[in-house]
Amino acid sequence: MKFSAVLSALALVAPGVFASPTQRDLATIQGVITDIQGQVNSLQTAIEASPLDADAIIAQSNALVTTIQDGATTVNGQPVLTQIEALGLVSPVQDLAADVDTTIQALIGVKDDILDLGEGCTTLEALQAQAAAAQQLSDAIVSKVPAALEDIATELAATVSAAIQKGVDAYAGSCDGTEPTSTTTTSEPTSTTTSTTRTACPAPTH
């Protein structure tokens, strides 16, 4: 991982920085990630519930989007992190990306059921809202990372967006009529109705 190499380099060239890093700003951003992770796990629970409740899934997705947006606002209000503080975001973001991927895979797994309930378009829109919010959070986090780590931070944050994009791709077409109601189709036998024309018999001749 590139972050490991950066950490080793910093340990050599700036050992004094490790003596007393300021943790307050780092802890705030870590707390934002933890809150989002909790909402992601709650969404997974809603997806895996039986029977499937599409309304509950959408409601939890909306709660997740709100938490991400609030988190982005919080991060934007923080000062720029030191290099060492920025490295403290690696593990939390990796864990978040893993949980997001697991949750999105679960949502993809119930796609047929979602479509059968007529909630394909609503689900796609929810995923698109998640993707937009995740980009806001990514931009906020990257803006608080020192310039030397911006490229690496962008790459790391992109793993969360990439996981959500899998869901967007899976539900693509659900709002424009190109997505079938379900991948399972049943054919009903067609019946033909024939009508018989009665022909009058000729009158007997005498």
Protein backbone atom coordinates (compact mmCIF):
# COMPACT_ATOMS: atom_id res chain seq x y z
CA MET A 1 0.00 0.00 0.00
CA LYS A 2 1.38 3.40 -0.91
CA PHE A 3 0.46 4.76 2.50
CA SER A 4 2.86 2.31 4.18
CA ALA A 5 5.74 3.59 2.08
CA VAL A 6 4.84 7.18 2.87
CA LEU A 7 4.65 6.39 6.57
CA SER A 8 8.12 4.80 6.51
CA ALA A 9 9.56 7.80 4.70
CA LEU A 10 8.04 10.24 7.16
CA ALA A 11 9.45 8.25 10.05
CA LEU A 12 12.94 8.78 8.62
CA VAL A 13 12.78 12.42 7.56
CA ALA A 14 10.56 13.86 10.28
CA PRO A 15 10.91 11.84 13.50
CA GLY A 16 10.13 14.88 15.61
CA VAL A 17 6.62 15.00 14.23
CA PHE A 18 5.83 11.72 15.98
CA ALA A 19 6.55 13.13 19.42
CA SER A 20 3.28 14.93 20.12
CA PRO A 21 0.81 14.97 17.20
CA THR A 22 -2.37 16.97 17.60
CA GLN A 23 -5.18 14.43 17.74
CA ARG A 24 -8.25 16.62 18.04
CA ASP A 25 -8.81 17.28 14.33
CA LEU A 26 -7.98 13.70 13.37
CA ALA A 27 -10.39 12.34 15.98
CA THR A 28 -13.19 14.52 14.62
CA ILE A 29 -12.79 13.17 11.09
CA GLN A 30 -12.40 9.62 12.37
CA GLY A 31 -15.65 10.12 14.27
CA VAL A 32 -17.38 11.18 11.04
CA ILE A 33 -16.21 7.99 9.34
CA THR A 34 -17.36 5.89 12.30
CA ASP A 35 -20.83 7.45 12.18
CA ILE A 36 -21.11 6.75 8.46
CA GLN A 37 -19.93 3.20 8.97
CA GLY A 38 -22.69 2.66 11.51
CA GLN A 39 -25.32 3.82 9.02
CA VAL A 40 -23.83 1.56 6.33
CA ASN A 41 -24.12 -1.43 8.64
CA SER A 42 -27.71 -0.48 9.46
CA LEU A 43 -28.47 -0.38 5.74
CA GLN A 44 -27.05 -3.85 5.33
CA THR A 45 -29.28 -5.07 8.17
CA ALA A 46 -32.32 -3.59 6.40
CA ILE A 47 -31.35 -5.25 3.13
CA GLU A 48 -30.94 -8.65 4.75
CA ALA A 49 -34.22 -8.46 6.70
CA SER A 50 -36.89 -11.03 5.97
CA PRO A 51 -39.37 -10.38 4.54
CA LEU A 52 -37.78 -7.77 2.33
CA ASP A 53 -39.05 -4.27 3.11
CA ALA A 54 -38.13 -1.87 0.30
CA ASP A 55 -39.47 1.12 2.22
CA ALA A 56 -37.16 0.34 5.14
CA ILE A 57 -34.20 0.05 2.79
CA ILE A 58 -34.93 3.40 1.18
CA ALA A 59 -35.47 5.06 4.56
CA GLN A 60 -32.13 3.76 5.83
CA SER A 61 -30.42 4.81 2.61
CA ASN A 62 -31.78 8.33 3.10
CA ALA A 63 -30.44 8.32 6.66
CA LEU A 64 -27.05 7.24 5.33
CA VAL A 65 -27.01 10.04 2.77
CA THR A 66 -27.87 12.61 5.44
CA THR A 67 -25.10 11.30 7.70
CA ILE A 68 -22.57 11.48 4.86
CA GLN A 69 -23.61 15.02 3.96
CA ASP A 70 -23.45 16.14 7.59
CA GLY A 71 -20.06 14.46 7.86
CA ALA A 72 -18.75 16.31 4.83
CA THR A 73 -19.87 19.58 6.39
CA THR A 74 -18.06 18.69 9.61
CA VAL A 75 -14.86 17.76 7.78
CA ASN A 76 -14.95 20.98 5.78
CA GLY A 77 -14.96 22.88 9.06
CA GLN A 78 -11.68 21.32 10.21
CA PRO A 79 -8.18 22.72 9.64
CA VAL A 80 -5.73 20.95 7.35
CA LEU A 81 -4.26 17.85 8.98
CA THR A 82 -0.59 17.20 9.47
CA GLN A 83 0.96 14.39 7.46
CA ILE A 84 0.94 12.06 10.43
CA GLU A 85 -2.68 12.87 11.23
CA ALA A 86 -3.64 12.23 7.62
CA LEU A 87 -2.07 8.79 7.78
CA GLY A 88 -4.37 8.08 10.71
CA LEU A 89 -7.30 8.05 8.27
CA VAL A 90 -5.99 5.12 6.24
CA SER A 91 -7.39 2.27 8.31
CA PRO A 92 -10.82 3.86 9.00
CA VAL A 93 -11.38 4.63 5.32
CA GLN A 94 -10.29 1.14 4.29
CA ASP A 95 -12.71 -0.39 6.79
CA LEU A 96 -15.50 1.87 5.57
CA ALA A 97 -14.87 0.94 1.94
CA ALA A 98 -15.00 -2.76 2.82
CA ASP A 99 -18.31 -2.37 4.65
CA VAL A 100 -19.79 -0.30 1.82
CA ASP A 101 -18.78 -2.95 -0.70
CA THR A 102 -20.37 -5.72 1.38
CA THR A 103 -23.60 -3.73 1.74
CA ILE A 104 -23.81 -2.86 -1.96
CA GLN A 105 -23.24 -6.49 -2.90
CA ALA A 106 -26.13 -7.43 -0.62
CA LEU A 107 -28.33 -4.85 -2.35
CA ILE A 108 -27.37 -6.22 -5.75
CA GLY A 109 -28.24 -9.68 -4.47
CA VAL A 110 -31.87 -8.71 -3.83
CA LYS A 111 -32.28 -6.82 -7.10
CA ASP A 112 -34.90 -9.20 -8.51
CA ASP A 113 -37.00 -8.84 -5.37
CA ILE A 114 -36.65 -5.06 -5.46
CA LEU A 115 -37.78 -4.98 -9.08
CA ASP A 116 -40.71 -7.26 -8.35
CA LEU A 117 -41.82 -4.78 -5.69
CA GLY A 118 -41.65 -1.99 -8.25
CA GLU A 119 -38.89 -0.17 -6.35
CA GLY A 120 -36.08 -0.44 -8.90
CA CYS A 121 -36.13 3.23 -9.86
CA THR A 122 -36.36 4.41 -6.24
CA THR A 123 -33.41 2.19 -5.34
CA LEU A 124 -31.35 3.50 -8.24
CA GLU A 125 -32.05 7.07 -7.20
CA ALA A 126 -31.04 6.21 -3.63
CA LEU A 127 -27.75 4.77 -4.87
CA GLN A 128 -27.11 7.84 -7.00
CA ALA A 129 -27.71 10.03 -3.94
CA GLN A 130 -25.23 7.91 -1.99
CA ALA A 131 -22.66 8.29 -4.75
CA ALA A 132 -23.07 12.07 -4.83
CA ALA A 133 -22.78 12.34 -1.05
CA ALA A 134 -19.72 10.07 -1.02
CA GLN A 135 -18.05 12.35 -3.54
CA GLN A 136 -18.76 15.34 -1.30
CA LEU A 137 -17.14 13.53 1.61
CA SER A 138 -14.17 12.49 -0.50
CA ASP A 139 -13.60 16.06 -1.66
CA ALA A 140 -13.84 17.29 1.92
CA ILE A 141 -11.34 14.77 3.25
CA VAL A 142 -8.85 15.32 0.44
CA SER A 143 -9.03 19.08 1.03
CA LYS A 144 -7.81 18.51 4.60
CA VAL A 145 -4.82 16.39 3.61
CA PRO A 146 -1.38 17.95 3.03
CA ALA A 147 -0.51 18.48 -0.63
CA ALA A 148 2.11 15.72 -0.52
CA LEU A 149 -0.60 13.15 0.24
CA GLU A 150 -3.49 14.46 -1.86
CA ASP A 151 -3.08 11.98 -4.72
CA ILE A 152 -2.90 9.03 -2.35
CA ALA A 153 -5.84 10.28 -0.31
CA THR A 154 -7.89 10.70 -3.48
CA GLU A 155 -7.08 7.15 -4.53
CA LEU A 156 -8.06 5.79 -1.13
CA ALA A 157 -11.30 7.75 -0.89
CA ALA A 158 -12.24 6.63 -4.39
CA THR A 159 -12.60 3.05 -3.15
CA VAL A 160 -15.79 4.03 -1.33
CA SER A 161 -17.26 5.68 -4.43
CA ALA A 162 -16.23 2.70 -6.55
CA ALA A 163 -18.14 0.33 -4.28
CA ILE A 164 -21.31 2.43 -4.56
CA GLN A 165 -20.90 2.69 -8.32
CA LYS A 166 -21.23 -1.09 -8.55
CA GLY A 167 -24.75 -0.72 -7.23
CA VAL A 168 -25.54 2.15 -9.58
CA ASP A 169 -24.36 0.04 -12.52
CA ALA A 170 -26.39 -2.96 -11.38
CA TYR A 171 -29.64 -0.97 -11.18
CA ALA A 172 -28.96 1.11 -14.29
CA GLY A 173 -32.01 1.40 -16.52
CA SER A 174 -34.50 0.98 -13.70
CA CYS A 175 -35.92 4.46 -14.27
CA ASP A 176 -36.07 4.60 -18.05
CA GLY A 177 -38.07 1.52 -18.87
CA THR A 178 -35.16 -0.53 -20.17
CA GLU A 179 -34.98 -2.65 -17.04
CA PRO A 180 -37.42 -5.58 -16.98
CA THR A 181 -39.72 -6.00 -14.03
CA SER A 182 -37.69 -9.03 -13.04
CA THR A 183 -35.03 -11.24 -14.58
CA THR A 184 -37.39 -14.17 -14.19
CA THR A 185 -40.04 -14.21 -16.85
CA THR A 186 -42.99 -16.48 -17.23
CA SER A 187 -44.80 -17.11 -20.44
CA GLU A 188 -48.50 -17.66 -20.48
CA PRO A 189 -50.07 -19.86 -23.13
CA THR A 190 -51.94 -17.98 -25.76
CA SER A 191 -55.41 -19.02 -26.62
CA THR A 192 -57.12 -18.51 -29.94
CA THR A 193 -60.81 -18.00 -30.21
CA THR A 194 -62.43 -19.28 -33.36
CA SER A 195 -65.91 -18.42 -34.45
CA THR A 196 -68.07 -20.76 -36.45
CA THR A 197 -70.33 -19.34 -39.17
CA ARG A 198 -73.58 -21.16 -39.49
CA THR A 199 -74.78 -21.63 -43.08
CA ALA A 200 -78.52 -21.96 -43.58
CA CYS A 201 -79.65 -25.12 -45.32
CA PRO A 202 -81.53 -24.51 -48.62
CA ALA A 203 -85.31 -24.86 -48.46
CA PRO A 204 -86.59 -28.17 -49.80
CA THR A 205 -88.02 -28.07 -53.35
CA HIS A 206 -91.35 -29.67 -54.23
